[in-house]
Amino acid sequence: MTLVNYTNAQRDVNQDEIIGFACNYAGSPSETVLKYFKKLIDKDYKWISNQLSSNNNAERYMSVLSLEKLTDLNKYELSEDEAKLINKVKKSEGLVYVCSWL
């Protein structure tokens, strides 16, 4: 998975496929980050796991980060299938756009 920095010159990027914690002039989290924050607060780990197969690159990336961190914290145990999907996502050539405050 490749990360690409999103700038104002690239407005044709699907806003649902951007990851960022302080985007644009407002310094707001992206919609994807907000969605995952809510799912993590609600402990909806099954939903996060299901997004490993999403067509949305940002969701797959955030699912990998979330599940690996939860596993490191002993709050989640990856299944064999999830581990395989994570490896597949990591090897994919999909682009993930990262925004930042400019």
PDB file of N, CA and C in Angstrom:
ATOM      1  N   MET A   1       0.857  -1.158   0.000  1.00  0.00           N
ATOM      2  CA  MET A   1       0.000   0.000   0.000  1.00  0.00           C
ATOM      3  C   MET A   1       0.907   1.227   0.000  1.00  0.00           C
ATOM      4  N   THR A   2       0.614   2.167  -0.856  1.00  0.00           N
ATOM      5  CA  THR A   2       1.428   3.359  -1.001  1.00  0.00           C
ATOM      6  C   THR A   2       0.673   4.563  -0.465  1.00  0.00           C
ATOM      7  N   LEU A   3       1.349   5.397   0.317  1.00  0.00           N
ATOM      8  CA  LEU A   3       0.757   6.624   0.830  1.00  0.00           C
ATOM      9  C   LEU A   3       1.145   7.769  -0.085  1.00  0.00           C
ATOM     10  N   VAL A   4       0.175   8.620  -0.423  1.00  0.00           N
ATOM     11  CA  VAL A   4       0.415   9.761  -1.279  1.00  0.00           C
ATOM     12  C   VAL A   4      -0.076  10.996  -0.549  1.00  0.00           C
ATOM     13  N   ASN A   5       0.757  12.039  -0.468  1.00  0.00           N
ATOM     14  CA  ASN A   5       0.351  13.269   0.201  1.00  0.00           C
ATOM     15  C   ASN A   5      -0.640  14.021  -0.669  1.00  0.00           C
ATOM     16  N   TYR A   6      -1.761  14.362  -0.119  1.00  0.00           N
ATOM     17  CA  TYR A   6      -2.830  15.076  -0.808  1.00  0.00           C
ATOM     18  C   TYR A   6      -2.606  16.571  -0.617  1.00  0.00           C
ATOM     19  N   THR A   7      -2.648  17.324  -1.704  1.00  0.00           N
ATOM     20  CA  THR A   7      -2.529  18.778  -1.603  1.00  0.00           C
ATOM     21  C   THR A   7      -3.733  19.414  -2.263  1.00  0.00           C
ATOM     22  N   ASN A   8      -3.869  20.715  -2.100  1.00  0.00           N
ATOM     23  CA  ASN A   8      -5.006  21.415  -2.691  1.00  0.00           C
ATOM     24  C   ASN A   8      -5.046  21.299  -4.215  1.00  0.00           C
ATOM     25  N   ALA A   9      -3.927  21.061  -4.851  1.00  0.00           N
ATOM     26  CA  ALA A   9      -3.886  20.934  -6.306  1.00  0.00           C
ATOM     27  C   ALA A   9      -4.521  19.632  -6.783  1.00  0.00           C
ATOM     28  N   GLN A  10      -4.777  18.709  -5.894  1.00  0.00           N
ATOM     29  CA  GLN A  10      -5.329  17.410  -6.260  1.00  0.00           C
ATOM     30  C   GLN A  10      -6.767  17.269  -5.784  1.00  0.00           C
ATOM     31  N   ARG A  11      -7.622  18.135  -6.218  1.00  0.00           N
ATOM     32  CA  ARG A  11      -9.007  18.142  -5.757  1.00  0.00           C
ATOM     33  C   ARG A  11      -9.848  17.018  -6.350  1.00  0.00           C
ATOM     34  N   ASP A  12      -9.347  16.294  -7.338  1.00  0.00           N
ATOM     35  CA  ASP A  12     -10.115  15.226  -7.960  1.00  0.00           C
ATOM     36  C   ASP A  12     -10.052  13.927  -7.161  1.00  0.00           C
ATOM     37  N   VAL A  13      -9.370  13.930  -6.047  1.00  0.00           N
ATOM     38  CA  VAL A  13      -9.252  12.752  -5.194  1.00  0.00           C
ATOM     39  C   VAL A  13     -10.560  12.545  -4.445  1.00  0.00           C
ATOM     40  N   ASN A  14     -11.018  11.308  -4.387  1.00  0.00           N
ATOM     41  CA  ASN A  14     -12.233  10.958  -3.655  1.00  0.00           C
ATOM     42  C   ASN A  14     -12.013  11.260  -2.164  1.00  0.00           C
ATOM     43  N   GLN A  15     -12.793  12.144  -1.604  1.00  0.00           N
ATOM     44  CA  GLN A  15     -12.637  12.561  -0.211  1.00  0.00           C
ATOM     45  C   GLN A  15     -12.840  11.409   0.775  1.00  0.00           C
ATOM     46  N   ASP A  16     -13.533  10.347   0.347  1.00  0.00           N
ATOM     47  CA  ASP A  16     -13.748   9.191   1.208  1.00  0.00           C
ATOM     48  C   ASP A  16     -12.518   8.290   1.285  1.00  0.00           C
ATOM     49  N   GLU A  17     -11.502   8.584   0.464  1.00  0.00           N
ATOM     50  CA  GLU A  17     -10.295   7.750   0.453  1.00  0.00           C
ATOM     51  C   GLU A  17      -9.071   8.525   0.933  1.00  0.00           C
ATOM     52  N   ILE A  18      -9.303   9.506   1.792  1.00  0.00           N
ATOM     53  CA  ILE A  18      -8.215  10.306   2.343  1.00  0.00           C
ATOM     54  C   ILE A  18      -8.098  10.032   3.843  1.00  0.00           C
ATOM     55  N   ILE A  19      -6.867   9.929   4.305  1.00  0.00           N
ATOM     56  CA  ILE A  19      -6.603   9.754   5.728  1.00  0.00           C
ATOM     57  C   ILE A  19      -5.826  10.969   6.211  1.00  0.00           C
ATOM     58  N   GLY A  20      -6.248  11.512   7.334  1.00  0.00           N
ATOM     59  CA  GLY A  20      -5.523  12.630   7.912  1.00  0.00           C
ATOM     60  C   GLY A  20      -6.115  13.014   9.254  1.00  0.00           C
ATOM     61  N   PHE A  21      -5.273  13.522  10.115  1.00  0.00           N
ATOM     62  CA  PHE A  21      -5.715  13.911  11.453  1.00  0.00           C
ATOM     63  C   PHE A  21      -5.852  15.417  11.600  1.00  0.00           C
ATOM     64  N   ALA A  22      -5.272  16.166  10.671  1.00  0.00           N
ATOM     65  CA  ALA A  22      -5.369  17.619  10.689  1.00  0.00           C
ATOM     66  C   ALA A  22      -5.364  18.115   9.247  1.00  0.00           C
ATOM     67  N   CYS A  23      -6.502  17.960   8.573  1.00  0.00           N
ATOM     68  CA  CYS A  23      -6.585  18.253   7.145  1.00  0.00           C
ATOM     69  C   CYS A  23      -7.024  19.688   6.874  1.00  0.00           C
ATOM     70  N   ASN A  24      -6.502  20.209   5.776  1.00  0.00           N
ATOM     71  CA  ASN A  24      -6.889  21.514   5.261  1.00  0.00           C
ATOM     72  C   ASN A  24      -6.656  22.623   6.288  1.00  0.00           C
ATOM     73  N   TYR A  25      -7.212  23.779   6.036  1.00  0.00           N
ATOM     74  CA  TYR A  25      -6.959  24.928   6.899  1.00  0.00           C
ATOM     75  C   TYR A  25      -7.614  24.793   8.271  1.00  0.00           C
ATOM     76  N   ALA A  26      -8.702  24.041   8.334  1.00  0.00           N
ATOM     77  CA  ALA A  26      -9.401  23.864   9.618  1.00  0.00           C
ATOM     78  C   ALA A  26      -8.673  22.895  10.536  1.00  0.00           C
ATOM     79  N   GLY A  27      -7.778  22.104   9.983  1.00  0.00           N
ATOM     80  CA  GLY A  27      -7.059  21.125  10.798  1.00  0.00           C
ATOM     81  C   GLY A  27      -7.954  20.023  11.327  1.00  0.00           C
ATOM     82  N   SER A  28      -8.960  19.632  10.544  1.00  0.00           N
ATOM     83  CA  SER A  28      -9.933  18.623  10.962  1.00  0.00           C
ATOM     84  C   SER A  28      -9.525  17.226  10.496  1.00  0.00           C
ATOM     85  N   PRO A  29      -9.912  16.206  11.256  1.00  0.00           N
ATOM     86  CA  PRO A  29      -9.673  14.831  10.804  1.00  0.00           C
ATOM     87  C   PRO A  29     -10.505  14.531   9.557  1.00  0.00           C
ATOM     88  N   SER A  30      -9.999  13.647   8.722  1.00  0.00           N
ATOM     89  CA  SER A  30     -10.755  13.231   7.534  1.00  0.00           C
ATOM     90  C   SER A  30     -11.964  12.402   7.966  1.00  0.00           C
ATOM     91  N   GLU A  31     -12.914  12.252   7.039  1.00  0.00           N
ATOM     92  CA  GLU A  31     -14.120  11.462   7.324  1.00  0.00           C
ATOM     93  C   GLU A  31     -13.762  10.022   7.683  1.00  0.00           C
ATOM     94  N   THR A  32     -12.775   9.471   7.013  1.00  0.00           N
ATOM     95  CA  THR A  32     -12.354   8.093   7.302  1.00  0.00           C
ATOM     96  C   THR A  32     -11.832   7.977   8.725  1.00  0.00           C
ATOM     97  N   VAL A  33     -11.016   8.917   9.139  1.00  0.00           N
ATOM     98  CA  VAL A  33     -10.466   8.894  10.502  1.00  0.00           C
ATOM     99  C   VAL A  33     -11.596   9.033  11.522  1.00  0.00           C
ATOM    100  N   LEU A  34     -12.532   9.937  11.274  1.00  0.00           N
ATOM    101  CA  LEU A  34     -13.669  10.102  12.197  1.00  0.00           C
ATOM    102  C   LEU A  34     -14.497   8.826  12.297  1.00  0.00           C
ATOM    103  N   LYS A  35     -14.717   8.167  11.166  1.00  0.00           N
ATOM    104  CA  LYS A  35     -15.492   6.924  11.147  1.00  0.00           C
ATOM    105  C   LYS A  35     -14.800   5.852  11.999  1.00  0.00           C
ATOM    106  N   TYR A  36     -13.490   5.716  11.837  1.00  0.00           N
ATOM    107  CA  TYR A  36     -12.752   4.701  12.586  1.00  0.00           C
ATOM    108  C   TYR A  36     -12.654   5.060  14.063  1.00  0.00           C
ATOM    109  N   PHE A  37     -12.542   6.330  14.377  1.00  0.00           N
ATOM    110  CA  PHE A  37     -12.524   6.756  15.767  1.00  0.00           C
ATOM    111  C   PHE A  37     -13.801   6.307  16.465  1.00  0.00           C
ATOM    112  N   LYS A  38     -14.947   6.521  15.802  1.00  0.00           N
ATOM    113  CA  LYS A  38     -16.235   6.116  16.383  1.00  0.00           C
ATOM    114  C   LYS A  38     -16.312   4.600  16.539  1.00  0.00           C
ATOM    115  N   LYS A  39     -15.886   3.861  15.533  1.00  0.00           N
ATOM    116  CA  LYS A  39     -15.938   2.393  15.612  1.00  0.00           C
ATOM    117  C   LYS A  39     -15.021   1.872  16.716  1.00  0.00           C
ATOM    118  N   LEU A  40     -13.869   2.499  16.903  1.00  0.00           N
ATOM    119  CA  LEU A  40     -12.962   2.084  17.977  1.00  0.00           C
ATOM    120  C   LEU A  40     -13.548   2.404  19.351  1.00  0.00           C
ATOM    121  N   ILE A  41     -14.151   3.566  19.485  1.00  0.00           N
ATOM    122  CA  ILE A  41     -14.795   3.941  20.757  1.00  0.00           C
ATOM    123  C   ILE A  41     -15.922   2.959  21.080  1.00  0.00           C
ATOM    124  N   ASP A  42     -16.698   2.578  20.051  1.00  0.00           N
ATOM    125  CA  ASP A  42     -17.819   1.648  20.225  1.00  0.00           C
ATOM    126  C   ASP A  42     -17.371   0.185  20.313  1.00  0.00           C
ATOM    127  N   LYS A  43     -16.067  -0.050  20.140  1.00  0.00           N
ATOM    128  CA  LYS A  43     -15.490  -1.400  20.139  1.00  0.00           C
ATOM    129  C   LYS A  43     -16.148  -2.289  19.082  1.00  0.00           C
ATOM    130  N   ASP A  44     -16.433  -1.679  17.943  1.00  0.00           N
ATOM    131  CA  ASP A  44     -17.034  -2.392  16.828  1.00  0.00           C
ATOM    132  C   ASP A  44     -15.917  -2.977  15.958  1.00  0.00           C
ATOM    133  N   TYR A  45     -15.176  -3.890  16.545  1.00  0.00           N
ATOM    134  CA  TYR A  45     -14.012  -4.461  15.884  1.00  0.00           C
ATOM    135  C   TYR A  45     -14.395  -5.352  14.703  1.00  0.00           C
ATOM    136  N   LYS A  46     -15.563  -5.941  14.739  1.00  0.00           N
ATOM    137  CA  LYS A  46     -16.021  -6.777  13.629  1.00  0.00           C
ATOM    138  C   LYS A  46     -16.192  -5.929  12.371  1.00  0.00           C
ATOM    139  N   TRP A  47     -16.769  -4.732  12.528  1.00  0.00           N
ATOM    140  CA  TRP A  47     -16.916  -3.829  11.389  1.00  0.00           C
ATOM    141  C   TRP A  47     -15.539  -3.482  10.821  1.00  0.00           C
ATOM    142  N   ILE A  48     -14.601  -3.180  11.696  1.00  0.00           N
ATOM    143  CA  ILE A  48     -13.241  -2.848  11.257  1.00  0.00           C
ATOM    144  C   ILE A  48     -12.639  -4.022  10.501  1.00  0.00           C
ATOM    145  N   SER A  49     -12.798  -5.215  11.023  1.00  0.00           N
ATOM    146  CA  SER A  49     -12.289  -6.407  10.362  1.00  0.00           C
ATOM    147  C   SER A  49     -12.913  -6.584   8.980  1.00  0.00           C
ATOM    148  N   ASN A  50     -14.203  -6.354   8.866  1.00  0.00           N
ATOM    149  CA  ASN A  50     -14.885  -6.506   7.583  1.00  0.00           C
ATOM    150  C   ASN A  50     -14.352  -5.545   6.522  1.00  0.00           C
ATOM    151  N   GLN A  51     -13.829  -4.410   6.949  1.00  0.00           N
ATOM    152  CA  GLN A  51     -13.323  -3.415   5.996  1.00  0.00           C
ATOM    153  C   GLN A  51     -11.973  -3.814   5.392  1.00  0.00           C
ATOM    154  N   LEU A  52     -11.370  -4.895   5.871  1.00  0.00           N
ATOM    155  CA  LEU A  52     -10.141  -5.397   5.247  1.00  0.00           C
ATOM    156  C   LEU A  52     -10.399  -5.802   3.797  1.00  0.00           C
ATOM    157  N   SER A  53     -11.653  -6.060   3.466  1.00  0.00           N
ATOM    158  CA  SER A  53     -12.034  -6.445   2.109  1.00  0.00           C
ATOM    159  C   SER A  53     -12.750  -5.320   1.364  1.00  0.00           C
ATOM    160  N   SER A  54     -12.724  -4.129   1.919  1.00  0.00           N
ATOM    161  CA  SER A  54     -13.403  -2.987   1.315  1.00  0.00           C
ATOM    162  C   SER A  54     -12.780  -2.622  -0.029  1.00  0.00           C
ATOM    163  N   ASN A  55     -13.557  -1.977  -0.879  1.00  0.00           N
ATOM    164  CA  ASN A  55     -13.033  -1.419  -2.125  1.00  0.00           C
ATOM    165  C   ASN A  55     -12.341  -0.084  -1.888  1.00  0.00           C
ATOM    166  N   ASN A  56     -12.474   0.445  -0.685  1.00  0.00           N
ATOM    167  CA  ASN A  56     -11.905   1.742  -0.322  1.00  0.00           C
ATOM    168  C   ASN A  56     -10.509   1.528   0.274  1.00  0.00           C
ATOM    169  N   ASN A  57      -9.479   2.027  -0.411  1.00  0.00           N
ATOM    170  CA  ASN A  57      -8.100   1.840   0.058  1.00  0.00           C
ATOM    171  C   ASN A  57      -7.853   2.424   1.445  1.00  0.00           C
ATOM    172  N   ALA A  58      -8.437   3.581   1.724  1.00  0.00           N
ATOM    173  CA  ALA A  58      -8.236   4.218   3.029  1.00  0.00           C
ATOM    174  C   ALA A  58      -8.827   3.356   4.145  1.00  0.00           C
ATOM    175  N   GLU A  59      -9.981   2.764   3.910  1.00  0.00           N
ATOM    176  CA  GLU A  59     -10.604   1.909   4.918  1.00  0.00           C
ATOM    177  C   GLU A  59      -9.781   0.643   5.154  1.00  0.00           C
ATOM    178  N   ARG A  60      -9.270   0.060   4.078  1.00  0.00           N
ATOM    179  CA  ARG A  60      -8.420  -1.128   4.255  1.00  0.00           C
ATOM    180  C   ARG A  60      -7.180  -0.763   5.066  1.00  0.00           C
ATOM    181  N   TYR A  61      -6.546   0.351   4.745  1.00  0.00           N
ATOM    182  CA  TYR A  61      -5.351   0.805   5.452  1.00  0.00           C
ATOM    183  C   TYR A  61      -5.657   1.058   6.937  1.00  0.00           C
ATOM    184  N   MET A  62      -6.739   1.777   7.204  1.00  0.00           N
ATOM    185  CA  MET A  62      -7.102   2.071   8.594  1.00  0.00           C
ATOM    186  C   MET A  62      -7.467   0.800   9.350  1.00  0.00           C
ATOM    187  N   SER A  63      -8.054  -0.172   8.672  1.00  0.00           N
ATOM    188  CA  SER A  63      -8.378  -1.446   9.324  1.00  0.00           C
ATOM    189  C   SER A  63      -7.104  -2.175   9.726  1.00  0.00           C
ATOM    190  N   VAL A  64      -6.117  -2.176   8.837  1.00  0.00           N
ATOM    191  CA  VAL A  64      -4.836  -2.814   9.165  1.00  0.00           C
ATOM    192  C   VAL A  64      -4.210  -2.134  10.380  1.00  0.00           C
ATOM    193  N   LEU A  65      -4.124  -0.808  10.344  1.00  0.00           N
ATOM    194  CA  LEU A  65      -3.531  -0.079  11.481  1.00  0.00           C
ATOM    195  C   LEU A  65      -4.283  -0.346  12.778  1.00  0.00           C
ATOM    196  N   SER A  66      -5.599  -0.276  12.706  1.00  0.00           N
ATOM    197  CA  SER A  66      -6.422  -0.446  13.902  1.00  0.00           C
ATOM    198  C   SER A  66      -6.291  -1.842  14.498  1.00  0.00           C
ATOM    199  N   LEU A  67      -6.440  -2.856  13.649  1.00  0.00           N
ATOM    200  CA  LEU A  67      -6.395  -4.233  14.149  1.00  0.00           C
ATOM    201  C   LEU A  67      -5.011  -4.612  14.659  1.00  0.00           C
ATOM    202  N   GLU A  68      -3.972  -4.146  13.993  1.00  0.00           N
ATOM    203  CA  GLU A  68      -2.617  -4.448  14.480  1.00  0.00           C
ATOM    204  C   GLU A  68      -2.350  -3.768  15.817  1.00  0.00           C
ATOM    205  N   LYS A  69      -2.800  -2.538  15.976  1.00  0.00           N
ATOM    206  CA  LYS A  69      -2.595  -1.833  17.252  1.00  0.00           C
ATOM    207  C   LYS A  69      -3.411  -2.493  18.358  1.00  0.00           C
ATOM    208  N   LEU A  70      -4.659  -2.850  18.069  1.00  0.00           N
ATOM    209  CA  LEU A  70      -5.486  -3.536  19.064  1.00  0.00           C
ATOM    210  C   LEU A  70      -4.849  -4.858  19.479  1.00  0.00           C
ATOM    211  N   THR A  71      -4.270  -5.563  18.514  1.00  0.00           N
ATOM    212  CA  THR A  71      -3.586  -6.826  18.807  1.00  0.00           C
ATOM    213  C   THR A  71      -2.372  -6.584  19.694  1.00  0.00           C
ATOM    214  N   ASP A  72      -1.595  -5.551  19.376  1.00  0.00           N
ATOM    215  CA  ASP A  72      -0.421  -5.197  20.200  1.00  0.00           C
ATOM    216  C   ASP A  72      -0.809  -4.874  21.642  1.00  0.00           C
ATOM    217  N   LEU A  73      -2.000  -4.285  21.808  1.00  0.00           N
ATOM    218  CA  LEU A  73      -2.491  -3.908  23.141  1.00  0.00           C
ATOM    219  C   LEU A  73      -3.251  -5.041  23.827  1.00  0.00           C
ATOM    220  N   ASN A  74      -3.261  -6.219  23.208  1.00  0.00           N
ATOM    221  CA  ASN A  74      -3.984  -7.388  23.727  1.00  0.00           C
ATOM    222  C   ASN A  74      -5.479  -7.126  23.907  1.00  0.00           C
ATOM    223  N   LYS A  75      -6.043  -6.326  23.010  1.00  0.00           N
ATOM    224  CA  LYS A  75      -7.474  -6.046  23.053  1.00  0.00           C
ATOM    225  C   LYS A  75      -8.219  -6.760  21.935  1.00  0.00           C
ATOM    226  N   TYR A  76      -7.451  -7.447  21.075  1.00  0.00           N
ATOM    227  CA  TYR A  76      -8.060  -8.140  19.941  1.00  0.00           C
ATOM    228  C   TYR A  76      -7.127  -9.262  19.530  1.00  0.00           C
ATOM    229  N   GLU A  77      -7.718 -10.365  19.094  1.00  0.00           N
ATOM    230  CA  GLU A  77      -6.923 -11.484  18.607  1.00  0.00           C
ATOM    231  C   GLU A  77      -7.266 -11.720  17.144  1.00  0.00           C
ATOM    232  N   LEU A  78      -6.267 -11.560  16.287  1.00  0.00           N
ATOM    233  CA  LEU A  78      -6.473 -11.757  14.856  1.00  0.00           C
ATOM    234  C   LEU A  78      -6.731 -13.219  14.537  1.00  0.00           C
ATOM    235  N   SER A  79      -7.683 -13.446  13.659  1.00  0.00           N
ATOM    236  CA  SER A  79      -7.888 -14.801  13.150  1.00  0.00           C
ATOM    237  C   SER A  79      -6.855 -15.047  12.053  1.00  0.00           C
ATOM    238  N   GLU A  80      -6.731 -16.280  11.643  1.00  0.00           N
ATOM    239  CA  GLU A  80      -5.803 -16.626  10.563  1.00  0.00           C
ATOM    240  C   GLU A  80      -6.217 -15.927   9.262  1.00  0.00           C
ATOM    241  N   ASP A  81      -7.530 -15.886   9.001  1.00  0.00           N
ATOM    242  CA  ASP A  81      -8.029 -15.220   7.794  1.00  0.00           C
ATOM    243  C   ASP A  81      -7.735 -13.721   7.820  1.00  0.00           C
ATOM    244  N   GLU A  82      -7.903 -13.098   8.985  1.00  0.00           N
ATOM    245  CA  GLU A  82      -7.603 -11.675   9.101  1.00  0.00           C
ATOM    246  C   GLU A  82      -6.116 -11.404   8.868  1.00  0.00           C
ATOM    247  N   ALA A  83      -5.265 -12.252   9.414  1.00  0.00           N
ATOM    248  CA  ALA A  83      -3.823 -12.094   9.216  1.00  0.00           C
ATOM    249  C   ALA A  83      -3.474 -12.199   7.734  1.00  0.00           C
ATOM    250  N   LYS A  84      -4.116 -13.120   7.021  1.00  0.00           N
ATOM    251  CA  LYS A  84      -3.874 -13.256   5.579  1.00  0.00           C
ATOM    252  C   LYS A  84      -4.342 -12.022   4.818  1.00  0.00           C
ATOM    253  N   LEU A  85      -5.521 -11.500   5.195  1.00  0.00           N
ATOM    254  CA  LEU A  85      -6.034 -10.299   4.547  1.00  0.00           C
ATOM    255  C   LEU A  85      -5.126  -9.102   4.807  1.00  0.00           C
ATOM    256  N   ILE A  86      -4.620  -8.990   6.022  1.00  0.00           N
ATOM    257  CA  ILE A  86      -3.711  -7.896   6.360  1.00  0.00           C
ATOM    258  C   ILE A  86      -2.460  -7.970   5.492  1.00  0.00           C
ATOM    259  N   ASN A  87      -1.900  -9.153   5.339  1.00  0.00           N
ATOM    260  CA  ASN A  87      -0.724  -9.308   4.482  1.00  0.00           C
ATOM    261  C   ASN A  87      -1.040  -8.942   3.035  1.00  0.00           C
ATOM    262  N   LYS A  88      -2.225  -9.311   2.575  1.00  0.00           N
ATOM    263  CA  LYS A  88      -2.643  -8.981   1.213  1.00  0.00           C
ATOM    264  C   LYS A  88      -2.755  -7.464   1.036  1.00  0.00           C
ATOM    265  N   VAL A  89      -3.346  -6.786   2.024  1.00  0.00           N
ATOM    266  CA  VAL A  89      -3.481  -5.326   1.960  1.00  0.00           C
ATOM    267  C   VAL A  89      -2.098  -4.673   1.946  1.00  0.00           C
ATOM    268  N   LYS A  90      -1.207  -5.153   2.774  1.00  0.00           N
ATOM    269  CA  LYS A  90       0.138  -4.573   2.847  1.00  0.00           C
ATOM    270  C   LYS A  90       0.900  -4.733   1.531  1.00  0.00           C
ATOM    271  N   LYS A  91       0.609  -5.781   0.792  1.00  0.00           N
ATOM    272  CA  LYS A  91       1.301  -6.034  -0.473  1.00  0.00           C
ATOM    273  C   LYS A  91       0.596  -5.399  -1.674  1.00  0.00           C
ATOM    274  N   SER A  92      -0.573  -4.845  -1.453  1.00  0.00           N
ATOM    275  CA  SER A  92      -1.339  -4.286  -2.566  1.00  0.00           C
ATOM    276  C   SER A  92      -0.672  -3.021  -3.103  1.00  0.00           C
ATOM    277  N   GLU A  93      -1.051  -2.667  -4.303  1.00  0.00           N
ATOM    278  CA  GLU A  93      -0.512  -1.469  -4.935  1.00  0.00           C
ATOM    279  C   GLU A  93      -1.492  -0.303  -4.873  1.00  0.00           C
ATOM    280  N   GLY A  94      -2.540  -0.444  -4.054  1.00  0.00           N
ATOM    281  CA  GLY A  94      -3.523   0.622  -3.926  1.00  0.00           C
ATOM    282  C   GLY A  94      -2.925   1.860  -3.293  1.00  0.00           C
ATOM    283  N   LEU A  95      -3.404   3.022  -3.741  1.00  0.00           N
ATOM    284  CA  LEU A  95      -2.931   4.290  -3.205  1.00  0.00           C
ATOM    285  C   LEU A  95      -3.820   4.748  -2.056  1.00  0.00           C
ATOM    286  N   VAL A  96      -3.196   5.306  -1.027  1.00  0.00           N
ATOM    287  CA  VAL A  96      -3.921   5.924   0.076  1.00  0.00           C
ATOM    288  C   VAL A  96      -3.458   7.360   0.153  1.00  0.00           C
ATOM    289  N   TYR A  97      -4.394   8.281   0.048  1.00  0.00           N
ATOM    290  CA  TYR A  97      -4.061   9.699   0.089  1.00  0.00           C
ATOM    291  C   TYR A  97      -4.056  10.186   1.536  1.00  0.00           C
ATOM    292  N   VAL A  98      -3.033  10.961   1.854  1.00  0.00           N
ATOM    293  CA  VAL A  98      -2.876  11.500   3.194  1.00  0.00           C
ATOM    294  C   VAL A  98      -2.961  13.005   3.096  1.00  0.00           C
ATOM    295  N   CYS A  99      -3.829  13.598   3.881  1.00  0.00           N
ATOM    296  CA  CYS A  99      -3.956  15.062   3.847  1.00  0.00           C
ATOM    297  C   CYS A  99      -3.245  15.641   5.063  1.00  0.00           C
ATOM    298  N   SER A 100      -2.925  16.896   4.929  1.00  0.00           N
ATOM    299  CA  SER A 100      -2.309  17.614   6.045  1.00  0.00           C
ATOM    300  C   SER A 100      -2.708  19.065   5.958  1.00  0.00           C
ATOM    301  N   TRP A 101      -2.505  19.757   7.007  1.00  0.00           N
ATOM    302  CA  TRP A 101      -2.805  21.188   7.039  1.00  0.00           C
ATOM    303  C   TRP A 101      -1.796  21.894   6.156  1.00  0.00           C
ATOM    304  N   LEU A 102      -2.277  22.758   5.287  1.00  0.00           N
ATOM    305  CA  LEU A 102      -1.382  23.481   4.382  1.00  0.00           C
ATOM    306  C   LEU A 102      -1.460  24.956   4.598  1.00  0.00           C
TER     307      LEU A 102
END
